[in-house]
């Protein structure tokens, strides 16, 4: 419970919330600014989405929807955002086909970032 109070206090100090982004009450200056690991539902998705595409509108919309409905998961000793992310093929190495079914092939690869 103390951890949750710390998060609420930090969000209140930074004025991070899910209020209308056009509101003058929100200070986006500190949103997702290292070393803080705050997630602003207005700023972060816009930064992630800007300038990329998978080349498929349906996949793009699925990824965008997952980013805008992000959930924080507790991993180790911190909360981290959990959402789908498009990773271009040139960010993988050691790609190998590991299976094949009636309608798809399955690959394994190492994400280099």
N, C-alpha and C. Protein backbone atom coordinates (compact mmCIF):
# COMPACT_ATOMS: atom_id res chain seq x y z
N UNK A 1 0.83 -1.20 0.00
CA UNK A 1 0.00 0.00 0.00
C UNK A 1 0.87 1.26 0.00
N UNK A 2 2.00 1.22 0.70
CA UNK A 2 2.89 2.36 0.75
C UNK A 2 3.43 2.70 -0.64
N UNK A 3 3.72 1.65 -1.45
CA UNK A 3 4.23 1.86 -2.80
C UNK A 3 3.21 2.62 -3.64
N UNK A 4 1.94 2.25 -3.53
CA UNK A 4 0.88 2.93 -4.28
C UNK A 4 0.78 4.39 -3.85
N UNK A 5 0.90 4.65 -2.56
CA UNK A 5 0.86 6.04 -2.08
C UNK A 5 2.02 6.85 -2.67
N UNK A 6 3.20 6.21 -2.81
CA UNK A 6 4.35 6.90 -3.40
C UNK A 6 4.07 7.27 -4.86
N UNK A 7 3.46 6.35 -5.61
CA UNK A 7 3.14 6.61 -7.01
C UNK A 7 2.13 7.75 -7.11
N UNK A 8 1.08 7.69 -6.30
CA UNK A 8 0.06 8.74 -6.32
C UNK A 8 0.69 10.08 -5.98
N UNK A 9 1.55 10.11 -4.98
CA UNK A 9 2.22 11.35 -4.59
C UNK A 9 3.07 11.88 -5.74
N UNK A 10 3.85 11.00 -6.38
CA UNK A 10 4.70 11.43 -7.48
C UNK A 10 3.86 11.96 -8.64
N UNK A 11 2.78 11.27 -8.99
CA UNK A 11 1.93 11.73 -10.08
C UNK A 11 1.30 13.08 -9.75
N UNK A 12 0.91 13.27 -8.49
CA UNK A 12 0.34 14.55 -8.09
C UNK A 12 1.37 15.66 -8.18
N UNK A 13 2.61 15.37 -7.78
CA UNK A 13 3.68 16.37 -7.86
C UNK A 13 3.98 16.76 -9.30
N UNK A 14 3.94 15.78 -10.20
CA UNK A 14 4.25 16.03 -11.60
C UNK A 14 3.03 16.46 -12.41
N UNK A 15 1.86 16.43 -11.78
CA UNK A 15 0.60 16.77 -12.45
C UNK A 15 0.31 15.83 -13.61
N UNK A 16 0.67 14.57 -13.48
CA UNK A 16 0.40 13.59 -14.52
C UNK A 16 -0.92 12.92 -14.20
N UNK A 17 -1.81 12.90 -15.17
CA UNK A 17 -3.11 12.28 -14.96
C UNK A 17 -3.71 11.94 -16.31
N UNK A 18 -4.93 11.42 -16.28
CA UNK A 18 -5.61 11.12 -17.54
C UNK A 18 -6.65 12.20 -17.84
N UNK A 19 -6.45 13.40 -17.31
CA UNK A 19 -7.35 14.52 -17.58
C UNK A 19 -7.20 14.95 -19.04
N UNK A 20 -8.08 15.82 -19.47
CA UNK A 20 -8.02 16.36 -20.81
C UNK A 20 -6.64 16.96 -21.06
N UNK A 21 -5.90 16.52 -22.10
CA UNK A 21 -4.55 17.02 -22.33
C UNK A 21 -4.51 18.51 -22.67
N UNK A 22 -5.64 19.08 -23.05
CA UNK A 22 -5.68 20.50 -23.36
C UNK A 22 -5.87 21.35 -22.11
N UNK A 23 -6.07 20.70 -20.98
CA UNK A 23 -6.27 21.41 -19.73
C UNK A 23 -4.99 22.11 -19.31
N UNK A 24 -5.11 23.33 -18.82
CA UNK A 24 -3.94 24.06 -18.36
C UNK A 24 -3.45 23.55 -17.01
N UNK A 25 -4.19 22.62 -16.39
CA UNK A 25 -3.81 22.09 -15.08
C UNK A 25 -2.77 20.98 -15.19
N UNK A 26 -2.51 20.47 -16.39
CA UNK A 26 -1.56 19.37 -16.55
C UNK A 26 -0.22 19.91 -17.01
N UNK A 27 0.83 19.54 -16.30
CA UNK A 27 2.19 19.94 -16.66
C UNK A 27 2.87 18.73 -17.29
N UNK A 28 3.01 18.74 -18.61
CA UNK A 28 3.60 17.60 -19.32
C UNK A 28 5.12 17.67 -19.37
N UNK A 29 5.71 18.67 -18.75
CA UNK A 29 7.16 18.87 -18.81
C UNK A 29 7.94 17.67 -18.29
N UNK A 30 7.43 16.98 -17.28
CA UNK A 30 8.15 15.87 -16.67
C UNK A 30 7.68 14.49 -17.13
N UNK A 31 6.77 14.44 -18.08
CA UNK A 31 6.23 13.16 -18.51
C UNK A 31 7.31 12.29 -19.15
N UNK A 32 7.43 11.07 -18.65
CA UNK A 32 8.34 10.07 -19.20
C UNK A 32 9.74 10.65 -19.39
N UNK A 33 10.19 11.41 -18.42
CA UNK A 33 11.49 12.07 -18.48
C UNK A 33 12.46 11.31 -17.58
N UNK A 34 13.45 10.60 -18.16
CA UNK A 34 14.38 9.82 -17.32
C UNK A 34 15.02 10.69 -16.26
N UNK A 35 15.31 10.21 -15.08
CA UNK A 35 15.25 8.81 -14.67
C UNK A 35 13.87 8.39 -14.16
N UNK A 36 12.88 9.27 -14.22
CA UNK A 36 11.53 8.89 -13.77
C UNK A 36 10.94 7.91 -14.78
N UNK A 37 10.13 6.99 -14.31
CA UNK A 37 9.51 6.02 -15.19
C UNK A 37 8.00 6.19 -15.15
N UNK A 38 7.54 7.43 -15.31
CA UNK A 38 6.11 7.71 -15.28
C UNK A 38 5.53 7.50 -16.67
N UNK A 39 4.30 7.09 -16.71
CA UNK A 39 3.61 6.85 -17.97
C UNK A 39 2.49 7.86 -18.09
N UNK A 40 2.58 8.78 -19.04
CA UNK A 40 1.54 9.76 -19.30
C UNK A 40 0.74 9.27 -20.49
N UNK A 41 -0.56 9.05 -20.30
CA UNK A 41 -1.40 8.51 -21.37
C UNK A 41 -1.51 9.44 -22.56
N UNK A 42 -1.13 10.69 -22.42
CA UNK A 42 -1.17 11.63 -23.53
C UNK A 42 0.17 11.70 -24.26
N UNK A 43 1.25 11.88 -23.55
CA UNK A 43 2.56 12.12 -24.17
C UNK A 43 3.23 10.87 -24.73
N UNK A 44 3.29 9.82 -23.96
CA UNK A 44 4.07 8.65 -24.36
C UNK A 44 3.53 7.97 -25.61
N UNK A 45 2.22 7.69 -25.71
CA UNK A 45 1.74 7.06 -26.95
C UNK A 45 2.05 7.90 -28.19
N UNK A 46 1.93 9.21 -28.07
CA UNK A 46 2.22 10.08 -29.21
C UNK A 46 3.68 9.94 -29.64
N UNK A 47 4.60 9.84 -28.69
CA UNK A 47 6.02 9.67 -29.00
C UNK A 47 6.29 8.31 -29.64
N UNK A 48 5.63 7.27 -29.14
CA UNK A 48 5.85 5.92 -29.65
C UNK A 48 5.29 5.76 -31.06
N UNK A 49 4.12 6.32 -31.31
CA UNK A 49 3.41 6.11 -32.58
C UNK A 49 3.98 6.95 -33.71
N UNK A 50 4.51 8.10 -33.40
CA UNK A 50 4.95 9.06 -34.41
C UNK A 50 5.96 8.46 -35.38
N UNK A 51 5.63 8.48 -36.68
CA UNK A 51 6.58 8.14 -37.72
C UNK A 51 6.78 6.67 -38.03
N UNK A 52 5.98 5.76 -37.53
CA UNK A 52 6.19 4.35 -37.85
C UNK A 52 4.94 3.76 -38.46
N UNK A 53 5.12 2.67 -39.18
CA UNK A 53 4.00 1.88 -39.69
C UNK A 53 4.50 0.46 -39.95
N UNK A 54 3.60 -0.49 -39.79
CA UNK A 54 3.93 -1.87 -40.11
C UNK A 54 3.71 -2.12 -41.60
N UNK A 55 3.00 -1.20 -42.25
CA UNK A 55 2.63 -1.39 -43.64
C UNK A 55 1.24 -1.98 -43.78
N UNK A 56 0.60 -2.29 -42.66
CA UNK A 56 -0.74 -2.88 -42.66
C UNK A 56 -1.62 -2.07 -41.70
N UNK A 57 -2.67 -1.43 -42.23
CA UNK A 57 -3.52 -0.56 -41.41
C UNK A 57 -4.16 -1.30 -40.24
N UNK A 58 -4.58 -2.55 -40.44
CA UNK A 58 -5.20 -3.31 -39.36
C UNK A 58 -4.22 -3.56 -38.21
N UNK A 59 -2.99 -3.93 -38.55
CA UNK A 59 -1.97 -4.17 -37.52
C UNK A 59 -1.62 -2.86 -36.82
N UNK A 60 -1.46 -1.78 -37.60
CA UNK A 60 -1.16 -0.47 -37.01
C UNK A 60 -2.24 -0.08 -35.99
N UNK A 61 -3.50 -0.25 -36.36
CA UNK A 61 -4.59 0.11 -35.45
C UNK A 61 -4.61 -0.76 -34.20
N UNK A 62 -4.33 -2.05 -34.36
CA UNK A 62 -4.26 -2.94 -33.20
C UNK A 62 -3.16 -2.49 -32.23
N UNK A 63 -2.00 -2.16 -32.75
CA UNK A 63 -0.89 -1.71 -31.91
C UNK A 63 -1.23 -0.38 -31.25
N UNK A 64 -1.77 0.56 -32.00
CA UNK A 64 -2.14 1.87 -31.44
C UNK A 64 -3.18 1.70 -30.33
N UNK A 65 -4.18 0.85 -30.56
CA UNK A 65 -5.20 0.61 -29.53
C UNK A 65 -4.57 0.05 -28.26
N UNK A 66 -3.59 -0.86 -28.42
CA UNK A 66 -2.96 -1.45 -27.23
C UNK A 66 -2.13 -0.41 -26.48
N UNK A 67 -1.51 0.52 -27.20
CA UNK A 67 -0.72 1.57 -26.55
C UNK A 67 -1.62 2.52 -25.78
N UNK A 68 -2.75 2.89 -26.38
CA UNK A 68 -3.65 3.84 -25.70
C UNK A 68 -4.41 3.20 -24.54
N UNK A 69 -4.45 1.88 -24.48
CA UNK A 69 -5.11 1.21 -23.35
C UNK A 69 -4.08 0.47 -22.50
N UNK A 70 -2.89 1.06 -22.37
CA UNK A 70 -1.77 0.43 -21.66
C UNK A 70 -2.15 0.06 -20.23
N UNK A 71 -1.56 -1.02 -19.78
CA UNK A 71 -1.70 -1.47 -18.39
C UNK A 71 -0.30 -1.52 -17.79
N UNK A 72 -0.18 -1.17 -16.54
CA UNK A 72 1.11 -1.26 -15.86
C UNK A 72 1.20 -2.62 -15.19
N UNK A 73 2.29 -3.36 -15.47
CA UNK A 73 2.52 -4.66 -14.85
C UNK A 73 3.66 -4.54 -13.85
N UNK A 74 3.53 -5.26 -12.75
CA UNK A 74 4.58 -5.27 -11.74
C UNK A 74 5.59 -6.34 -12.11
N UNK A 75 6.81 -5.94 -12.45
CA UNK A 75 7.88 -6.87 -12.83
C UNK A 75 9.08 -6.57 -11.95
N UNK A 76 9.53 -7.59 -11.23
CA UNK A 76 10.65 -7.38 -10.31
C UNK A 76 10.22 -6.46 -9.20
N UNK A 77 10.79 -5.28 -9.15
CA UNK A 77 10.45 -4.33 -8.09
C UNK A 77 9.89 -3.03 -8.65
N UNK A 78 9.38 -3.05 -9.90
CA UNK A 78 8.84 -1.82 -10.47
C UNK A 78 7.66 -2.12 -11.39
N UNK A 79 6.85 -1.09 -11.63
CA UNK A 79 5.76 -1.18 -12.58
C UNK A 79 6.26 -0.74 -13.94
N UNK A 80 5.96 -1.52 -14.97
CA UNK A 80 6.36 -1.18 -16.33
C UNK A 80 5.14 -1.25 -17.24
N UNK A 81 5.09 -0.38 -18.27
CA UNK A 81 3.95 -0.42 -19.18
C UNK A 81 3.97 -1.68 -20.03
N UNK A 82 2.79 -2.23 -20.31
CA UNK A 82 2.67 -3.44 -21.11
C UNK A 82 1.78 -3.14 -22.31
N UNK A 83 2.35 -3.19 -23.51
CA UNK A 83 1.59 -2.92 -24.72
C UNK A 83 2.29 -3.58 -25.90
N UNK A 84 1.57 -3.71 -27.02
CA UNK A 84 2.18 -4.26 -28.24
C UNK A 84 3.06 -3.20 -28.88
N UNK A 85 4.11 -3.64 -29.53
CA UNK A 85 5.02 -2.71 -30.19
C UNK A 85 5.45 -3.33 -31.51
N UNK A 86 5.45 -2.53 -32.57
CA UNK A 86 5.93 -3.00 -33.86
C UNK A 86 7.45 -2.93 -33.86
N UNK A 87 8.09 -4.04 -34.22
CA UNK A 87 9.55 -4.09 -34.31
C UNK A 87 9.91 -4.42 -35.76
N UNK A 88 10.56 -3.50 -36.47
CA UNK A 88 10.94 -3.75 -37.86
C UNK A 88 11.91 -4.94 -37.96
N UNK A 89 11.85 -5.64 -39.09
CA UNK A 89 12.68 -6.82 -39.29
C UNK A 89 14.17 -6.53 -39.15
N UNK A 90 14.60 -5.32 -39.51
CA UNK A 90 16.04 -5.03 -39.42
C UNK A 90 16.54 -4.88 -37.99
N UNK A 91 15.66 -4.99 -37.01
CA UNK A 91 16.04 -4.95 -35.60
C UNK A 91 16.20 -6.35 -35.02
N UNK A 92 16.14 -7.37 -35.89
CA UNK A 92 16.31 -8.76 -35.48
C UNK A 92 17.56 -9.35 -36.13
N UNK A 93 18.15 -10.32 -35.45
CA UNK A 93 19.25 -11.08 -36.04
C UNK A 93 19.05 -12.55 -35.69
N UNK A 94 19.79 -13.42 -36.36
CA UNK A 94 19.72 -14.87 -36.14
C UNK A 94 18.30 -15.41 -36.33
N UNK A 95 17.62 -14.98 -37.40
CA UNK A 95 16.26 -15.47 -37.66
C UNK A 95 16.32 -16.90 -38.20
N UNK A 96 15.48 -17.77 -37.62
CA UNK A 96 15.40 -19.17 -38.04
C UNK A 96 13.95 -19.61 -38.03
N UNK A 97 13.56 -20.36 -39.05
CA UNK A 97 12.23 -20.95 -39.05
C UNK A 97 12.24 -22.13 -38.09
N UNK A 98 11.30 -22.14 -37.14
CA UNK A 98 11.26 -23.22 -36.15
C UNK A 98 10.00 -24.06 -36.24
N UNK A 99 9.09 -23.69 -37.14
CA UNK A 99 7.88 -24.47 -37.29
C UNK A 99 7.06 -24.01 -38.47
N UNK A 100 6.10 -24.86 -38.86
CA UNK A 100 5.22 -24.52 -39.97
C UNK A 100 3.91 -25.26 -39.77
N UNK A 101 2.81 -24.53 -39.99
CA UNK A 101 1.50 -25.13 -39.85
C UNK A 101 0.71 -24.99 -41.13
N UNK A 102 -0.60 -25.16 -41.03
CA UNK A 102 -1.46 -25.09 -42.20
C UNK A 102 -1.56 -23.71 -42.81
N UNK A 103 -1.36 -22.66 -42.03
CA UNK A 103 -1.53 -21.31 -42.56
C UNK A 103 -0.41 -20.34 -42.15
N UNK A 104 0.60 -20.80 -41.44
CA UNK A 104 1.64 -19.88 -40.98
C UNK A 104 2.97 -20.59 -40.76
N UNK A 105 4.03 -19.80 -40.79
CA UNK A 105 5.35 -20.27 -40.42
C UNK A 105 5.73 -19.56 -39.13
N UNK A 106 6.49 -20.24 -38.27
CA UNK A 106 6.91 -19.67 -36.99
C UNK A 106 8.42 -19.51 -37.01
N UNK A 107 8.86 -18.32 -36.58
CA UNK A 107 10.28 -18.02 -36.59
C UNK A 107 10.77 -17.67 -35.19
N UNK A 108 12.05 -17.86 -34.98
CA UNK A 108 12.72 -17.44 -33.75
C UNK A 108 13.80 -16.44 -34.17
N UNK A 109 14.01 -15.40 -33.35
CA UNK A 109 15.03 -14.40 -33.66
C UNK A 109 15.46 -13.70 -32.38
N UNK A 110 16.58 -13.00 -32.46
CA UNK A 110 17.06 -12.20 -31.34
C UNK A 110 16.82 -10.73 -31.65
N UNK A 111 16.14 -10.04 -30.74
CA UNK A 111 15.87 -8.61 -30.90
C UNK A 111 17.12 -7.87 -30.46
N UNK A 112 17.73 -7.10 -31.35
CA UNK A 112 19.04 -6.50 -31.05
C UNK A 112 18.98 -5.20 -30.26
N UNK A 113 17.82 -4.65 -30.03
CA UNK A 113 17.71 -3.43 -29.22
C UNK A 113 17.34 -3.81 -27.83
